[in-house]
mmCIF file of all heavy atoms, coordinates in Angstrom:
data_MODEL
# 
_entry.id   MODEL 
# 
loop_
_atom_site.group_PDB 
_atom_site.id 
_atom_site.type_symbol 
_atom_site.label_atom_id 
_atom_site.label_alt_id 
_atom_site.label_comp_id 
_atom_site.label_asym_id 
_atom_site.label_entity_id 
_atom_site.label_seq_id 
_atom_site.pdbx_PDB_ins_code 
_atom_site.Cartn_x 
_atom_site.Cartn_y 
_atom_site.Cartn_z 
_atom_site.occupancy 
_atom_site.B_iso_or_equiv 
_atom_site.pdbx_formal_charge 
_atom_site.auth_seq_id 
_atom_site.auth_comp_id 
_atom_site.auth_asym_id 
_atom_site.auth_atom_id 
_atom_site.pdbx_PDB_model_num 
ATOM 1   N N   . LEU A 1 1  ? 71.320 109.148 137.029 1.00 0.00 ? 1  LEU A N   1 
ATOM 2   C CA  . LEU A 1 1  ? 70.641 110.368 136.715 1.00 0.00 ? 1  LEU A CA  1 
ATOM 3   C C   . LEU A 1 1  ? 69.354 110.557 137.521 1.00 0.00 ? 1  LEU A C   1 
ATOM 4   O O   . LEU A 1 1  ? 69.024 111.678 137.917 1.00 0.00 ? 1  LEU A O   1 
ATOM 5   C CB  . LEU A 1 1  ? 70.382 110.479 135.253 1.00 0.00 ? 1  LEU A CB  1 
ATOM 6   C CG  . LEU A 1 1  ? 71.546 110.416 134.254 1.00 0.00 ? 1  LEU A CG  1 
ATOM 7   C CD1 . LEU A 1 1  ? 71.078 110.558 132.816 1.00 0.00 ? 1  LEU A CD1 1 
ATOM 8   C CD2 . LEU A 1 1  ? 72.581 111.465 134.649 1.00 0.00 ? 1  LEU A CD2 1 
ATOM 9   N N   . LEU A 1 2  ? 68.661 109.472 137.744 1.00 0.00 ? 2  LEU A N   1 
ATOM 10  C CA  . LEU A 1 2  ? 67.430 109.508 138.533 1.00 0.00 ? 2  LEU A CA  1 
ATOM 11  C C   . LEU A 1 2  ? 67.808 109.894 140.021 1.00 0.00 ? 2  LEU A C   1 
ATOM 12  O O   . LEU A 1 2  ? 67.149 110.738 140.587 1.00 0.00 ? 2  LEU A O   1 
ATOM 13  C CB  . LEU A 1 2  ? 66.733 108.152 138.526 1.00 0.00 ? 2  LEU A CB  1 
ATOM 14  C CG  . LEU A 1 2  ? 65.539 108.025 139.439 1.00 0.00 ? 2  LEU A CG  1 
ATOM 15  C CD1 . LEU A 1 2  ? 64.486 109.115 139.115 1.00 0.00 ? 2  LEU A CD1 1 
ATOM 16  C CD2 . LEU A 1 2  ? 64.906 106.626 139.295 1.00 0.00 ? 2  LEU A CD2 1 
ATOM 17  N N   . LEU A 1 3  ? 68.857 109.301 140.495 1.00 0.00 ? 3  LEU A N   1 
ATOM 18  C CA  . LEU A 1 3  ? 69.249 109.631 141.885 1.00 0.00 ? 3  LEU A CA  1 
ATOM 19  C C   . LEU A 1 3  ? 69.707 111.089 141.991 1.00 0.00 ? 3  LEU A C   1 
ATOM 20  O O   . LEU A 1 3  ? 69.400 111.746 143.004 1.00 0.00 ? 3  LEU A O   1 
ATOM 21  C CB  . LEU A 1 3  ? 70.433 108.717 142.320 1.00 0.00 ? 3  LEU A CB  1 
ATOM 22  C CG  . LEU A 1 3  ? 70.033 107.199 142.393 1.00 0.00 ? 3  LEU A CG  1 
ATOM 23  C CD1 . LEU A 1 3  ? 71.241 106.380 142.805 1.00 0.00 ? 3  LEU A CD1 1 
ATOM 24  C CD2 . LEU A 1 3  ? 68.892 106.961 143.373 1.00 0.00 ? 3  LEU A CD2 1 
ATOM 25  N N   . GLN A 1 4  ? 70.419 111.571 141.004 1.00 0.00 ? 4  GLN A N   1 
ATOM 26  C CA  . GLN A 1 4  ? 70.850 112.994 141.076 1.00 0.00 ? 4  GLN A CA  1 
ATOM 27  C C   . GLN A 1 4  ? 69.633 113.912 140.952 1.00 0.00 ? 4  GLN A C   1 
ATOM 28  O O   . GLN A 1 4  ? 69.606 114.993 141.580 1.00 0.00 ? 4  GLN A O   1 
ATOM 29  C CB  . GLN A 1 4  ? 71.837 113.250 139.952 1.00 0.00 ? 4  GLN A CB  1 
ATOM 30  C CG  . GLN A 1 4  ? 73.202 112.565 140.200 1.00 0.00 ? 4  GLN A CG  1 
ATOM 31  C CD  . GLN A 1 4  ? 74.072 112.598 138.957 1.00 0.00 ? 4  GLN A CD  1 
ATOM 32  O OE1 . GLN A 1 4  ? 74.059 113.534 138.206 1.00 0.00 ? 4  GLN A OE1 1 
ATOM 33  N NE2 . GLN A 1 4  ? 74.857 111.522 138.767 1.00 0.00 ? 4  GLN A NE2 1 
ATOM 34  N N   . SER A 1 5  ? 68.625 113.476 140.202 1.00 0.00 ? 5  SER A N   1 
ATOM 35  C CA  . SER A 1 5  ? 67.376 114.268 140.083 1.00 0.00 ? 5  SER A CA  1 
ATOM 36  C C   . SER A 1 5  ? 66.643 114.265 141.443 1.00 0.00 ? 5  SER A C   1 
ATOM 37  O O   . SER A 1 5  ? 66.135 115.280 141.917 1.00 0.00 ? 5  SER A O   1 
ATOM 38  C CB  . SER A 1 5  ? 66.471 113.751 138.976 1.00 0.00 ? 5  SER A CB  1 
ATOM 39  O OG  . SER A 1 5  ? 67.049 113.923 137.674 1.00 0.00 ? 5  SER A OG  1 
ATOM 40  N N   . ALA A 1 6  ? 66.684 113.104 142.079 1.00 0.00 ? 6  ALA A N   1 
ATOM 41  C CA  . ALA A 1 6  ? 66.044 112.967 143.391 1.00 0.00 ? 6  ALA A CA  1 
ATOM 42  C C   . ALA A 1 6  ? 66.763 113.893 144.415 1.00 0.00 ? 6  ALA A C   1 
ATOM 43  O O   . ALA A 1 6  ? 66.130 114.483 145.264 1.00 0.00 ? 6  ALA A O   1 
ATOM 44  C CB  . ALA A 1 6  ? 66.098 111.532 143.887 1.00 0.00 ? 6  ALA A CB  1 
ATOM 45  N N   . LYS A 1 7  ? 68.094 113.965 144.305 1.00 0.00 ? 7  LYS A N   1 
ATOM 46  C CA  . LYS A 1 7  ? 68.866 114.875 145.196 1.00 0.00 ? 7  LYS A CA  1 
ATOM 47  C C   . LYS A 1 7  ? 68.416 116.315 145.019 1.00 0.00 ? 7  LYS A C   1 
ATOM 48  O O   . LYS A 1 7  ? 68.275 117.071 146.026 1.00 0.00 ? 7  LYS A O   1 
ATOM 49  C CB  . LYS A 1 7  ? 70.354 114.665 144.896 1.00 0.00 ? 7  LYS A CB  1 
ATOM 50  C CG  . LYS A 1 7  ? 71.270 115.590 145.746 1.00 0.00 ? 7  LYS A CG  1 
ATOM 51  C CD  . LYS A 1 7  ? 71.201 115.216 147.197 1.00 0.00 ? 7  LYS A CD  1 
ATOM 52  C CE  . LYS A 1 7  ? 72.228 116.027 147.963 1.00 0.00 ? 7  LYS A CE  1 
ATOM 53  N NZ  . LYS A 1 7  ? 72.169 115.724 149.445 1.00 0.00 ? 7  LYS A NZ  1 
ATOM 54  N N   . HIS A 1 8  ? 68.194 116.722 143.767 1.00 0.00 ? 8  HIS A N   1 
ATOM 55  C CA  . HIS A 1 8  ? 67.734 118.058 143.495 1.00 0.00 ? 8  HIS A CA  1 
ATOM 56  C C   . HIS A 1 8  ? 66.366 118.275 144.117 1.00 0.00 ? 8  HIS A C   1 
ATOM 57  O O   . HIS A 1 8  ? 66.084 119.341 144.717 1.00 0.00 ? 8  HIS A O   1 
ATOM 58  C CB  . HIS A 1 8  ? 67.725 118.336 141.983 1.00 0.00 ? 8  HIS A CB  1 
ATOM 59  C CG  . HIS A 1 8  ? 67.192 119.683 141.644 1.00 0.00 ? 8  HIS A CG  1 
ATOM 60  N ND1 . HIS A 1 8  ? 67.956 120.798 141.738 1.00 0.00 ? 8  HIS A ND1 1 
ATOM 61  C CD2 . HIS A 1 8  ? 65.983 120.071 141.162 1.00 0.00 ? 8  HIS A CD2 1 
ATOM 62  C CE1 . HIS A 1 8  ? 67.226 121.876 141.386 1.00 0.00 ? 8  HIS A CE1 1 
ATOM 63  N NE2 . HIS A 1 8  ? 66.030 121.425 140.988 1.00 0.00 ? 8  HIS A NE2 1 
ATOM 64  N N   . ILE A 1 9  ? 65.498 117.302 143.966 1.00 0.00 ? 9  ILE A N   1 
ATOM 65  C CA  . ILE A 1 9  ? 64.150 117.396 144.514 1.00 0.00 ? 9  ILE A CA  1 
ATOM 66  C C   . ILE A 1 9  ? 64.190 117.527 146.043 1.00 0.00 ? 9  ILE A C   1 
ATOM 67  O O   . ILE A 1 9  ? 63.536 118.406 146.650 1.00 0.00 ? 9  ILE A O   1 
ATOM 68  C CB  . ILE A 1 9  ? 63.281 116.208 144.086 1.00 0.00 ? 9  ILE A CB  1 
ATOM 69  C CG1 . ILE A 1 9  ? 62.994 116.299 142.606 1.00 0.00 ? 9  ILE A CG1 1 
ATOM 70  C CG2 . ILE A 1 9  ? 61.967 116.138 144.868 1.00 0.00 ? 9  ILE A CG2 1 
ATOM 71  C CD1 . ILE A 1 9  ? 62.274 115.072 142.008 1.00 0.00 ? 9  ILE A CD1 1 
ATOM 72  N N   . VAL A 1 10 ? 64.988 116.720 146.688 1.00 0.00 ? 10 VAL A N   1 
ATOM 73  C CA  . VAL A 1 10 ? 65.056 116.703 148.129 1.00 0.00 ? 10 VAL A CA  1 
ATOM 74  C C   . VAL A 1 10 ? 65.653 118.004 148.655 1.00 0.00 ? 10 VAL A C   1 
ATOM 75  O O   . VAL A 1 10 ? 65.337 118.458 149.781 1.00 0.00 ? 10 VAL A O   1 
ATOM 76  C CB  . VAL A 1 10 ? 65.887 115.494 148.618 1.00 0.00 ? 10 VAL A CB  1 
ATOM 77  C CG1 . VAL A 1 10 ? 66.225 115.567 150.115 1.00 0.00 ? 10 VAL A CG1 1 
ATOM 78  C CG2 . VAL A 1 10 ? 65.141 114.181 148.319 1.00 0.00 ? 10 VAL A CG2 1 
ATOM 79  N N   . SER A 1 11 ? 66.470 118.670 147.863 1.00 0.00 ? 11 SER A N   1 
ATOM 80  C CA  . SER A 1 11 ? 66.985 119.968 148.286 1.00 0.00 ? 11 SER A CA  1 
ATOM 81  C C   . SER A 1 11 ? 65.898 121.038 148.295 1.00 0.00 ? 11 SER A C   1 
ATOM 82  O O   . SER A 1 11 ? 66.070 122.113 148.910 1.00 0.00 ? 11 SER A O   1 
ATOM 83  C CB  . SER A 1 11 ? 68.136 120.436 147.342 1.00 0.00 ? 11 SER A CB  1 
ATOM 84  O OG  . SER A 1 11 ? 67.598 120.784 146.062 1.00 0.00 ? 11 SER A OG  1 
ATOM 85  N N   . VAL A 1 12 ? 64.801 120.764 147.643 1.00 0.00 ? 12 VAL A N   1 
ATOM 86  C CA  . VAL A 1 12 ? 63.683 121.713 147.568 1.00 0.00 ? 12 VAL A CA  1 
ATOM 87  C C   . VAL A 1 12 ? 62.510 121.309 148.457 1.00 0.00 ? 12 VAL A C   1 
ATOM 88  O O   . VAL A 1 12 ? 61.872 122.171 149.083 1.00 0.00 ? 12 VAL A O   1 
ATOM 89  C CB  . VAL A 1 12 ? 63.180 121.809 146.089 1.00 0.00 ? 12 VAL A CB  1 
ATOM 90  C CG1 . VAL A 1 12 ? 61.959 122.706 145.956 1.00 0.00 ? 12 VAL A CG1 1 
ATOM 91  C CG2 . VAL A 1 12 ? 64.276 122.307 145.201 1.00 0.00 ? 12 VAL A CG2 1 
ATOM 92  N N   . ARG A 1 13 ? 62.261 120.022 148.557 1.00 0.00 ? 13 ARG A N   1 
ATOM 93  C CA  . ARG A 1 13 ? 61.161 119.502 149.322 1.00 0.00 ? 13 ARG A CA  1 
ATOM 94  C C   . ARG A 1 13 ? 61.411 118.110 149.792 1.00 0.00 ? 13 ARG A C   1 
ATOM 95  O O   . ARG A 1 13 ? 62.203 117.374 149.210 1.00 0.00 ? 13 ARG A O   1 
ATOM 96  C CB  . ARG A 1 13 ? 59.883 119.541 148.453 1.00 0.00 ? 13 ARG A CB  1 
ATOM 97  C CG  . ARG A 1 13 ? 59.985 118.708 147.192 1.00 0.00 ? 13 ARG A CG  1 
ATOM 98  C CD  . ARG A 1 13 ? 58.976 119.027 146.116 1.00 0.00 ? 13 ARG A CD  1 
ATOM 99  N NE  . ARG A 1 13 ? 57.635 118.668 146.527 1.00 0.00 ? 13 ARG A NE  1 
ATOM 100 C CZ  . ARG A 1 13 ? 56.556 118.927 145.830 1.00 0.00 ? 13 ARG A CZ  1 
ATOM 101 N NH1 . ARG A 1 13 ? 56.644 119.635 144.666 1.00 0.00 ? 13 ARG A NH1 1 
ATOM 102 N NH2 . ARG A 1 13 ? 55.369 118.531 146.242 1.00 0.00 ? 13 ARG A NH2 1 
ATOM 103 N N   . GLN A 1 14 ? 60.731 117.633 150.859 1.00 0.00 ? 14 GLN A N   1 
ATOM 104 C CA  . GLN A 1 14 ? 60.961 116.365 151.403 1.00 0.00 ? 14 GLN A CA  1 
ATOM 105 C C   . GLN A 1 14 ? 59.698 115.497 151.520 1.00 0.00 ? 14 GLN A C   1 
ATOM 106 O O   . GLN A 1 14 ? 59.582 114.630 152.389 1.00 0.00 ? 14 GLN A O   1 
ATOM 107 C CB  . GLN A 1 14 ? 61.592 116.482 152.830 1.00 0.00 ? 14 GLN A CB  1 
ATOM 108 C CG  . GLN A 1 14 ? 63.009 117.002 152.878 1.00 0.00 ? 14 GLN A CG  1 
ATOM 109 C CD  . GLN A 1 14 ? 63.055 118.504 152.675 1.00 0.00 ? 14 GLN A CD  1 
ATOM 110 O OE1 . GLN A 1 14 ? 62.375 119.243 153.344 1.00 0.00 ? 14 GLN A OE1 1 
ATOM 111 N NE2 . GLN A 1 14 ? 63.969 118.932 151.762 1.00 0.00 ? 14 GLN A NE2 1 
ATOM 112 N N   . ASP A 1 15 ? 58.769 115.721 150.610 1.00 0.00 ? 15 ASP A N   1 
ATOM 113 C CA  . ASP A 1 15 ? 57.458 114.988 150.690 1.00 0.00 ? 15 ASP A CA  1 
ATOM 114 C C   . ASP A 1 15 ? 57.320 113.957 149.604 1.00 0.00 ? 15 ASP A C   1 
ATOM 115 O O   . ASP A 1 15 ? 56.221 113.440 149.390 1.00 0.00 ? 15 ASP A O   1 
ATOM 116 C CB  . ASP A 1 15 ? 56.278 115.962 150.601 1.00 0.00 ? 15 ASP A CB  1 
ATOM 117 C CG  . ASP A 1 15 ? 56.315 116.827 149.355 1.00 0.00 ? 15 ASP A CG  1 
ATOM 118 O OD1 . ASP A 1 15 ? 57.339 116.817 148.625 1.00 0.00 ? 15 ASP A OD1 1 
ATOM 119 O OD2 . ASP A 1 15 ? 55.266 117.479 149.063 1.00 0.00 ? 15 ASP A OD2 1 
ATOM 120 N N   . ILE A 1 16 ? 58.419 113.607 148.941 1.00 0.00 ? 16 ILE A N   1 
ATOM 121 C CA  . ILE A 1 16 ? 58.367 112.625 147.792 1.00 0.00 ? 16 ILE A CA  1 
ATOM 122 C C   . ILE A 1 16 ? 59.257 111.448 148.123 1.00 0.00 ? 16 ILE A C   1 
ATOM 123 O O   . ILE A 1 16 ? 60.472 111.590 148.450 1.00 0.00 ? 16 ILE A O   1 
ATOM 124 C CB  . ILE A 1 16 ? 58.788 113.284 146.466 1.00 0.00 ? 16 ILE A CB  1 
ATOM 125 C CG1 . ILE A 1 16 ? 57.874 114.436 146.139 1.00 0.00 ? 16 ILE A CG1 1 
ATOM 126 C CG2 . ILE A 1 16 ? 58.699 112.238 145.334 1.00 0.00 ? 16 ILE A CG2 1 
ATOM 127 C CD1 . ILE A 1 16 ? 58.278 115.215 144.915 1.00 0.00 ? 16 ILE A CD1 1 
ATOM 128 N N   . GLN A 1 17 ? 58.738 110.250 147.991 1.00 0.00 ? 17 GLN A N   1 
ATOM 129 C CA  . GLN A 1 17 ? 59.491 109.022 148.165 1.00 0.00 ? 17 GLN A CA  1 
ATOM 130 C C   . GLN A 1 17 ? 59.693 108.381 146.737 1.00 0.00 ? 17 GLN A C   1 
ATOM 131 O O   . GLN A 1 17 ? 58.862 108.546 145.841 1.00 0.00 ? 17 GLN A O   1 
ATOM 132 C CB  . GLN A 1 17 ? 58.711 108.010 149.031 1.00 0.00 ? 17 GLN A CB  1 
ATOM 133 C CG  . GLN A 1 17 ? 59.495 106.747 149.448 1.00 0.00 ? 17 GLN A CG  1 
ATOM 134 C CD  . GLN A 1 17 ? 60.594 107.001 150.465 1.00 0.00 ? 17 GLN A CD  1 
ATOM 135 O OE1 . GLN A 1 17 ? 60.664 108.101 151.001 1.00 0.00 ? 17 GLN A OE1 1 
ATOM 136 N NE2 . GLN A 1 17 ? 61.465 106.020 150.658 1.00 0.00 ? 17 GLN A NE2 1 
ATOM 137 N N   . PHE A 1 18 ? 60.815 107.634 146.625 1.00 0.00 ? 18 PHE A N   1 
ATOM 138 C CA  . PHE A 1 18 ? 61.150 106.999 145.305 1.00 0.00 ? 18 PHE A CA  1 
ATOM 139 C C   . PHE A 1 18 ? 61.207 105.527 145.538 1.00 0.00 ? 18 PHE A C   1 
ATOM 140 O O   . PHE A 1 18 ? 61.880 105.074 146.450 1.00 0.00 ? 18 PHE A O   1 
ATOM 141 C CB  . PHE A 1 18 ? 62.478 107.511 144.784 1.00 0.00 ? 18 PHE A CB  1 
ATOM 142 C CG  . PHE A 1 18 ? 62.425 108.992 144.325 1.00 0.00 ? 18 PHE A CG  1 
ATOM 143 C CD1 . PHE A 1 18 ? 62.558 109.982 145.318 1.00 0.00 ? 18 PHE A CD1 1 
ATOM 144 C CD2 . PHE A 1 18 ? 62.337 109.286 142.998 1.00 0.00 ? 18 PHE A CD2 1 
ATOM 145 C CE1 . PHE A 1 18 ? 62.492 111.327 144.914 1.00 0.00 ? 18 PHE A CE1 1 
ATOM 146 C CE2 . PHE A 1 18 ? 62.306 110.606 142.622 1.00 0.00 ? 18 PHE A CE2 1 
ATOM 147 C CZ  . PHE A 1 18 ? 62.413 111.660 143.560 1.00 0.00 ? 18 PHE A CZ  1 
ATOM 148 N N   . ALA A 1 19 ? 60.496 104.741 144.632 1.00 0.00 ? 19 ALA A N   1 
ATOM 149 C CA  . ALA A 1 19 ? 60.547 103.286 144.680 1.00 0.00 ? 19 ALA A CA  1 
ATOM 150 C C   . ALA A 1 19 ? 61.178 102.818 143.404 1.00 0.00 ? 19 ALA A C   1 
ATOM 151 O O   . ALA A 1 19 ? 60.733 103.053 142.345 1.00 0.00 ? 19 ALA A O   1 
ATOM 152 C CB  . ALA A 1 19 ? 59.109 102.766 144.795 1.00 0.00 ? 19 ALA A CB  1 
ATOM 153 N N   . ILE A 1 20 ? 62.337 102.053 143.548 1.00 0.00 ? 20 ILE A N   1 
ATOM 154 C CA  . ILE A 1 20 ? 63.085 101.547 142.411 1.00 0.00 ? 20 ILE A CA  1 
ATOM 155 C C   . ILE A 1 20 ? 63.000 100.025 142.419 1.00 0.00 ? 20 ILE A C   1 
ATOM 156 O O   . ILE A 1 20 ? 63.460 99.353  143.402 1.00 0.00 ? 20 ILE A O   1 
ATOM 157 C CB  . ILE A 1 20 ? 64.518 102.044 142.458 1.00 0.00 ? 20 ILE A CB  1 
ATOM 158 C CG1 . ILE A 1 20 ? 64.623 103.507 142.372 1.00 0.00 ? 20 ILE A CG1 1 
ATOM 159 C CG2 . ILE A 1 20 ? 65.370 101.383 141.332 1.00 0.00 ? 20 ILE A CG2 1 
ATOM 160 C CD1 . ILE A 1 20 ? 65.992 104.133 142.478 1.00 0.00 ? 20 ILE A CD1 1 
ATOM 161 N N   . ILE A 1 21 ? 62.404 99.444  141.425 1.00 0.00 ? 21 ILE A N   1 
ATOM 162 C CA  . ILE A 1 21 ? 62.142 98.021  141.302 1.00 0.00 ? 21 ILE A CA  1 
ATOM 163 C C   . ILE A 1 21 ? 63.058 97.430  140.205 1.00 0.00 ? 21 ILE A C   1 
ATOM 164 O O   . ILE A 1 21 ? 63.064 97.941  139.093 1.00 0.00 ? 21 ILE A O   1 
ATOM 165 C CB  . ILE A 1 21 ? 60.672 97.725  140.956 1.00 0.00 ? 21 ILE A CB  1 
ATOM 166 C CG1 . ILE A 1 21 ? 59.723 98.377  141.954 1.00 0.00 ? 21 ILE A CG1 1 
ATOM 167 C CG2 . ILE A 1 21 ? 60.401 96.241  140.905 1.00 0.00 ? 21 ILE A CG2 1 
ATOM 168 C CD1 . ILE A 1 21 ? 58.260 98.427  141.526 1.00 0.00 ? 21 ILE A CD1 1 
ATOM 169 N N   . GLY A 1 22 ? 63.774 96.404  140.521 1.00 0.00 ? 22 GLY A N   1 
ATOM 170 C CA  . GLY A 1 22 ? 64.609 95.725  139.545 1.00 0.00 ? 22 GLY A CA  1 
ATOM 171 C C   . GLY A 1 22 ? 65.990 95.379  140.054 1.00 0.00 ? 22 GLY A C   1 
ATOM 172 O O   . GLY A 1 22 ? 66.377 95.857  141.134 1.00 0.00 ? 22 GLY A O   1 
ATOM 173 N N   . GLU A 1 23 ? 66.663 94.576  139.288 1.00 0.00 ? 23 GLU A N   1 
ATOM 174 C CA  . GLU A 1 23 ? 67.990 94.133  139.633 1.00 0.00 ? 23 GLU A CA  1 
ATOM 175 C C   . GLU A 1 23 ? 68.939 94.363  138.423 1.00 0.00 ? 23 GLU A C   1 
ATOM 176 O O   . GLU A 1 23 ? 68.457 94.591  137.292 1.00 0.00 ? 23 GLU A O   1 
ATOM 177 C CB  . GLU A 1 23 ? 68.050 92.657  140.046 1.00 0.00 ? 23 GLU A CB  1 
ATOM 178 C CG  . GLU A 1 23 ? 67.460 92.405  141.417 1.00 0.00 ? 23 GLU A CG  1 
ATOM 179 C CD  . GLU A 1 23 ? 67.677 90.973  141.853 1.00 0.00 ? 23 GLU A CD  1 
ATOM 180 O OE1 . GLU A 1 23 ? 68.060 90.134  140.986 1.00 0.00 ? 23 GLU A OE1 1 
ATOM 181 O OE2 . GLU A 1 23 ? 67.470 90.682  143.024 1.00 0.00 ? 23 GLU A OE2 1 
ATOM 182 N N   . GLY A 1 24 ? 70.207 94.245  138.652 1.00 0.00 ? 24 GLY A N   1 
ATOM 183 C CA  . GLY A 1 24 ? 71.177 94.385  137.542 1.00 0.00 ? 24 GLY A CA  1 
ATOM 184 C C   . GLY A 1 24 ? 72.569 94.573  138.104 1.00 0.00 ? 24 GLY A C   1 
ATOM 185 O O   . GLY A 1 24 ? 72.817 94.673  139.321 1.00 0.00 ? 24 GLY A O   1 
ATOM 186 N N   . THR A 1 25 ? 73.542 94.638  137.193 1.00 0.00 ? 25 THR A N   1 
ATOM 187 C CA  . THR A 1 25 ? 74.958 94.679  137.597 1.00 0.00 ? 25 THR A CA  1 
ATOM 188 C C   . THR A 1 25 ? 75.317 95.920  138.351 1.00 0.00 ? 25 THR A C   1 
ATOM 189 O O   . THR A 1 25 ? 76.317 95.960  139.037 1.00 0.00 ? 25 THR A O   1 
ATOM 190 C CB  . THR A 1 25 ? 75.853 94.524  136.364 1.00 0.00 ? 25 THR A CB  1 
ATOM 191 O OG1 . THR A 1 25 ? 75.468 95.533  135.384 1.00 0.00 ? 25 THR A OG1 1 
ATOM 192 C CG2 . THR A 1 25 ? 75.681 93.168  135.694 1.00 0.00 ? 25 THR A CG2 1 
ATOM 193 N N   . SER A 1 26 ? 74.499 96.995  138.237 1.00 0.00 ? 26 SER A N   1 
ATOM 194 C CA  . SER A 1 26 ? 74.846 98.251  138.890 1.00 0.00 ? 26 SER A CA  1 
ATOM 195 C C   . SER A 1 26 ? 74.006 98.492  140.177 1.00 0.00 ? 26 SER A C   1 
ATOM 196 O O   . SER A 1 26 ? 74.090 99.573  140.730 1.00 0.00 ? 26 SER A O   1 
ATOM 197 C CB  . SER A 1 26 ? 74.603 99.426  137.937 1.00 0.00 ? 26 SER A CB  1 
ATOM 198 O OG  . SER A 1 26 ? 75.467 99.403  136.840 1.00 0.00 ? 26 SER A OG  1 
# 
């Protein structure tokens, strides 16, 4: 859901970077 939200943001603007910290099975 975060990635899909990021996709929506990038379709509007390209000045935001996302940092995802952590590990897991996915």
